[in-house]
């Protein structure tokens, strides 16, 4: 039997596109959905670590590990996040 863990995902509307990433930061538990978005970057609300929404890569400390990203499709005004096809973090 395979058990899948529940992972919250945050979806952002930024720079004319939609981006989905794991909602929990990699350096400490906190919701990226509560952060600030500027361009294609989200800044964590606790320690100001920033992540690129396109790649999941952190852009500054204290974050060192990327967050997973997920493909997003918008069809007929509905936003879909493909959770079965996610980019694994290194």
N, C-alpha and C. Protein backbone atom coordinates (compact mmCIF):
# COMPACT_ATOMS: atom_id res chain seq x y z
N UNK A 1 0.85 -1.17 0.00
CA UNK A 1 0.00 0.00 0.00
C UNK A 1 0.89 1.23 0.00
N UNK A 2 0.54 2.20 -0.82
CA UNK A 2 1.29 3.45 -0.89
C UNK A 2 0.48 4.55 -0.22
N UNK A 3 1.10 5.23 0.74
CA UNK A 3 0.42 6.31 1.44
C UNK A 3 1.02 7.62 0.99
N UNK A 4 0.17 8.51 0.54
CA UNK A 4 0.62 9.83 0.09
C UNK A 4 0.36 10.85 1.18
N UNK A 5 1.36 11.67 1.45
CA UNK A 5 1.21 12.72 2.46
C UNK A 5 0.46 13.89 1.86
N UNK A 6 -0.33 14.54 2.68
CA UNK A 6 -1.05 15.74 2.27
C UNK A 6 -0.06 16.90 2.30
N UNK A 7 0.07 17.58 1.18
CA UNK A 7 0.97 18.73 1.09
C UNK A 7 0.15 19.92 0.61
N UNK A 8 0.05 20.97 1.43
CA UNK A 8 -0.69 22.16 0.98
C UNK A 8 0.05 22.84 -0.17
N UNK A 9 -0.71 23.33 -1.13
CA UNK A 9 -0.17 24.02 -2.29
C UNK A 9 -0.72 25.43 -2.33
N UNK A 10 0.15 26.39 -2.64
CA UNK A 10 -0.27 27.79 -2.79
C UNK A 10 -0.26 28.12 -4.28
N UNK A 11 -1.30 28.81 -4.73
CA UNK A 11 -1.40 29.23 -6.13
C UNK A 11 -1.35 30.75 -6.17
N UNK A 12 -0.51 31.28 -7.07
CA UNK A 12 -0.31 32.72 -7.17
C UNK A 12 -0.62 33.19 -8.58
N UNK A 13 -1.22 34.36 -8.70
CA UNK A 13 -1.44 35.05 -9.96
C UNK A 13 -0.38 36.14 -10.02
N UNK A 14 0.64 35.95 -10.84
CA UNK A 14 1.76 36.90 -10.87
C UNK A 14 2.29 37.06 -12.29
N UNK A 15 2.60 38.28 -12.65
CA UNK A 15 3.21 38.57 -13.95
C UNK A 15 2.41 37.96 -15.11
N UNK A 16 1.08 37.99 -15.00
CA UNK A 16 0.23 37.51 -16.09
C UNK A 16 0.10 36.01 -16.19
N UNK A 17 0.56 35.27 -15.20
CA UNK A 17 0.44 33.82 -15.22
C UNK A 17 0.10 33.29 -13.84
N UNK A 18 -0.21 32.01 -13.79
CA UNK A 18 -0.51 31.35 -12.52
C UNK A 18 0.62 30.39 -12.20
N UNK A 19 1.00 30.37 -10.93
CA UNK A 19 2.09 29.53 -10.46
C UNK A 19 1.65 28.81 -9.20
N UNK A 20 2.05 27.54 -9.08
CA UNK A 20 1.71 26.74 -7.90
C UNK A 20 2.99 26.18 -7.30
N UNK A 21 3.12 26.32 -5.98
CA UNK A 21 4.28 25.81 -5.25
C UNK A 21 3.80 25.19 -3.94
N UNK A 22 4.66 24.34 -3.34
CA UNK A 22 4.35 23.87 -1.99
C UNK A 22 4.17 25.09 -1.10
N UNK A 23 3.13 25.08 -0.30
CA UNK A 23 2.82 26.25 0.53
C UNK A 23 3.76 26.42 1.71
N UNK A 24 4.33 25.33 2.19
CA UNK A 24 5.18 25.41 3.38
C UNK A 24 6.63 25.65 2.97
N UNK A 25 7.24 26.64 3.58
CA UNK A 25 8.63 26.98 3.27
C UNK A 25 9.55 25.83 3.63
N UNK A 26 10.71 25.81 3.00
CA UNK A 26 11.65 24.72 3.24
C UNK A 26 12.52 24.94 4.47
N UNK A 27 12.65 26.16 4.96
CA UNK A 27 13.55 26.41 6.09
C UNK A 27 12.83 26.53 7.43
N UNK A 28 11.52 26.61 7.44
CA UNK A 28 10.75 26.63 8.68
C UNK A 28 9.28 26.59 8.31
N UNK A 29 8.45 25.98 9.15
CA UNK A 29 7.03 25.90 8.84
C UNK A 29 6.38 27.27 8.87
N UNK A 30 5.89 27.70 7.74
CA UNK A 30 5.11 28.92 7.59
C UNK A 30 4.48 28.88 6.21
N UNK A 31 3.36 29.54 6.05
CA UNK A 31 2.63 29.52 4.79
C UNK A 31 3.13 30.58 3.83
N UNK A 32 3.57 30.15 2.65
CA UNK A 32 3.96 31.12 1.63
C UNK A 32 2.76 31.89 1.11
N UNK A 33 1.56 31.31 1.22
CA UNK A 33 0.35 32.01 0.80
C UNK A 33 0.13 33.28 1.63
N UNK A 34 0.72 33.34 2.82
CA UNK A 34 0.62 34.53 3.67
C UNK A 34 1.72 35.55 3.36
N UNK A 35 2.58 35.24 2.38
CA UNK A 35 3.70 36.11 2.05
C UNK A 35 3.32 37.22 1.09
N UNK A 36 4.34 37.95 0.63
CA UNK A 36 4.15 39.07 -0.27
C UNK A 36 4.69 38.70 -1.64
N UNK A 37 3.93 39.04 -2.68
CA UNK A 37 4.33 38.73 -4.05
C UNK A 37 4.80 40.00 -4.74
N UNK A 38 5.96 39.90 -5.38
CA UNK A 38 6.47 41.00 -6.20
C UNK A 38 7.05 40.37 -7.45
N UNK A 39 6.50 40.72 -8.58
CA UNK A 39 6.91 40.07 -9.83
C UNK A 39 6.59 38.60 -9.75
N UNK A 40 7.56 37.75 -10.03
CA UNK A 40 7.39 36.30 -9.95
C UNK A 40 8.07 35.72 -8.72
N UNK A 41 8.11 36.50 -7.65
CA UNK A 41 8.75 36.06 -6.41
C UNK A 41 7.79 36.23 -5.25
N UNK A 42 7.84 35.27 -4.32
CA UNK A 42 7.05 35.38 -3.09
C UNK A 42 8.02 35.45 -1.92
N UNK A 43 7.76 36.38 -1.03
CA UNK A 43 8.59 36.56 0.16
C UNK A 43 7.87 35.96 1.35
N UNK A 44 8.58 35.12 2.08
CA UNK A 44 8.01 34.46 3.23
C UNK A 44 7.67 35.50 4.31
N UNK A 45 6.56 35.32 5.02
CA UNK A 45 6.11 36.33 5.99
C UNK A 45 6.91 36.37 7.29
N UNK A 46 7.76 35.37 7.56
CA UNK A 46 8.48 35.35 8.84
C UNK A 46 9.90 35.90 8.77
N UNK A 47 10.68 35.41 7.80
CA UNK A 47 12.09 35.79 7.78
C UNK A 47 12.53 36.42 6.47
N UNK A 48 11.59 36.78 5.61
CA UNK A 48 11.86 37.47 4.36
C UNK A 48 12.66 36.67 3.34
N UNK A 49 12.70 35.35 3.47
CA UNK A 49 13.30 34.53 2.42
C UNK A 49 12.38 34.64 1.20
N UNK A 50 12.96 34.66 0.03
CA UNK A 50 12.18 34.83 -1.19
C UNK A 50 12.37 33.61 -2.09
N UNK A 51 11.29 33.23 -2.79
CA UNK A 51 11.32 32.09 -3.70
C UNK A 51 10.82 32.52 -5.07
N UNK A 52 11.47 32.01 -6.12
CA UNK A 52 11.05 32.25 -7.49
C UNK A 52 9.85 31.33 -7.76
N UNK A 53 8.71 31.91 -8.12
CA UNK A 53 7.51 31.12 -8.34
C UNK A 53 7.62 30.22 -9.58
N UNK A 54 8.49 30.57 -10.51
CA UNK A 54 8.65 29.79 -11.73
C UNK A 54 9.47 28.53 -11.51
N UNK A 55 10.44 28.59 -10.62
CA UNK A 55 11.37 27.47 -10.43
C UNK A 55 11.34 26.88 -9.03
N UNK A 56 10.84 27.65 -8.06
CA UNK A 56 10.85 27.22 -6.67
C UNK A 56 12.15 27.53 -5.96
N UNK A 57 13.15 28.02 -6.68
CA UNK A 57 14.47 28.28 -6.10
C UNK A 57 14.43 29.46 -5.12
N UNK A 58 15.12 29.30 -3.98
CA UNK A 58 15.23 30.43 -3.05
C UNK A 58 16.18 31.48 -3.63
N UNK A 59 15.94 32.74 -3.31
CA UNK A 59 16.80 33.80 -3.83
C UNK A 59 17.65 34.43 -2.75
N UNK A 60 17.39 34.07 -1.49
CA UNK A 60 18.19 34.63 -0.40
C UNK A 60 18.03 33.75 0.85
N UNK A 61 18.92 33.95 1.80
CA UNK A 61 18.86 33.25 3.08
C UNK A 61 17.71 33.82 3.91
N UNK A 62 17.16 33.05 4.84
CA UNK A 62 17.69 31.81 5.38
C UNK A 62 17.31 30.56 4.57
N UNK A 63 16.50 30.71 3.52
CA UNK A 63 16.13 29.54 2.72
C UNK A 63 17.31 29.06 1.89
N UNK A 64 17.52 27.75 1.89
CA UNK A 64 18.60 27.16 1.10
C UNK A 64 18.08 26.12 0.11
N UNK A 65 16.92 25.54 0.40
CA UNK A 65 16.34 24.51 -0.44
C UNK A 65 15.13 25.07 -1.20
N UNK A 66 14.95 24.64 -2.45
CA UNK A 66 13.79 25.10 -3.23
C UNK A 66 12.50 24.45 -2.74
N UNK A 67 11.38 25.08 -3.09
CA UNK A 67 10.07 24.47 -2.88
C UNK A 67 9.66 23.80 -4.20
N UNK A 68 8.82 22.77 -4.12
CA UNK A 68 8.34 22.11 -5.33
C UNK A 68 7.43 23.05 -6.10
N UNK A 69 7.47 22.94 -7.42
CA UNK A 69 6.55 23.67 -8.27
C UNK A 69 5.63 22.67 -8.96
N UNK A 70 4.46 23.13 -9.38
CA UNK A 70 3.47 22.28 -10.01
C UNK A 70 2.96 22.95 -11.29
N UNK A 71 2.70 22.17 -12.34
CA UNK A 71 2.11 22.74 -13.56
C UNK A 71 0.71 23.28 -13.28
N UNK A 72 0.39 24.41 -13.89
CA UNK A 72 -0.92 25.05 -13.73
C UNK A 72 -1.54 25.21 -15.11
N UNK A 73 -2.83 24.91 -15.21
CA UNK A 73 -3.59 25.07 -16.44
C UNK A 73 -4.84 25.88 -16.11
N UNK A 74 -5.14 26.86 -16.94
CA UNK A 74 -6.37 27.63 -16.80
C UNK A 74 -7.24 27.31 -18.00
N UNK A 75 -8.45 26.82 -17.75
CA UNK A 75 -9.36 26.46 -18.81
C UNK A 75 -10.76 26.95 -18.47
N UNK A 76 -11.33 27.74 -19.34
CA UNK A 76 -12.68 28.29 -19.13
C UNK A 76 -12.81 28.99 -17.78
N UNK A 77 -11.77 29.71 -17.39
CA UNK A 77 -11.80 30.48 -16.15
C UNK A 77 -11.56 29.67 -14.88
N UNK A 78 -11.25 28.38 -15.02
CA UNK A 78 -10.99 27.52 -13.87
C UNK A 78 -9.48 27.23 -13.82
N UNK A 79 -8.90 27.36 -12.63
CA UNK A 79 -7.48 27.10 -12.44
C UNK A 79 -7.29 25.66 -11.96
N UNK A 80 -6.49 24.89 -12.70
CA UNK A 80 -6.20 23.50 -12.35
C UNK A 80 -4.72 23.38 -12.01
N UNK A 81 -4.43 22.63 -10.94
CA UNK A 81 -3.05 22.36 -10.56
C UNK A 81 -2.82 20.86 -10.69
N UNK A 82 -1.82 20.50 -11.49
CA UNK A 82 -1.50 19.09 -11.72
C UNK A 82 -0.58 18.61 -10.60
N UNK A 83 -1.15 17.92 -9.63
CA UNK A 83 -0.37 17.47 -8.48
C UNK A 83 0.32 16.14 -8.71
N UNK A 84 -0.08 15.39 -9.73
CA UNK A 84 0.58 14.12 -10.02
C UNK A 84 1.89 14.32 -10.76
N UNK A 85 2.04 15.47 -11.39
CA UNK A 85 3.25 15.78 -12.14
C UNK A 85 3.89 16.99 -11.48
N UNK A 86 4.73 16.74 -10.52
CA UNK A 86 5.38 17.84 -9.83
C UNK A 86 6.88 17.74 -10.06
N UNK A 87 7.49 18.88 -10.03
CA UNK A 87 8.94 18.90 -10.18
C UNK A 87 9.55 18.62 -8.82
N UNK A 88 10.32 17.56 -8.73
CA UNK A 88 10.94 17.20 -7.47
C UNK A 88 12.09 18.15 -7.16
N UNK A 89 12.20 18.53 -5.92
CA UNK A 89 13.30 19.39 -5.51
C UNK A 89 14.55 18.54 -5.37
N UNK A 90 15.68 19.17 -5.59
CA UNK A 90 16.96 18.44 -5.53
C UNK A 90 17.30 18.06 -4.12
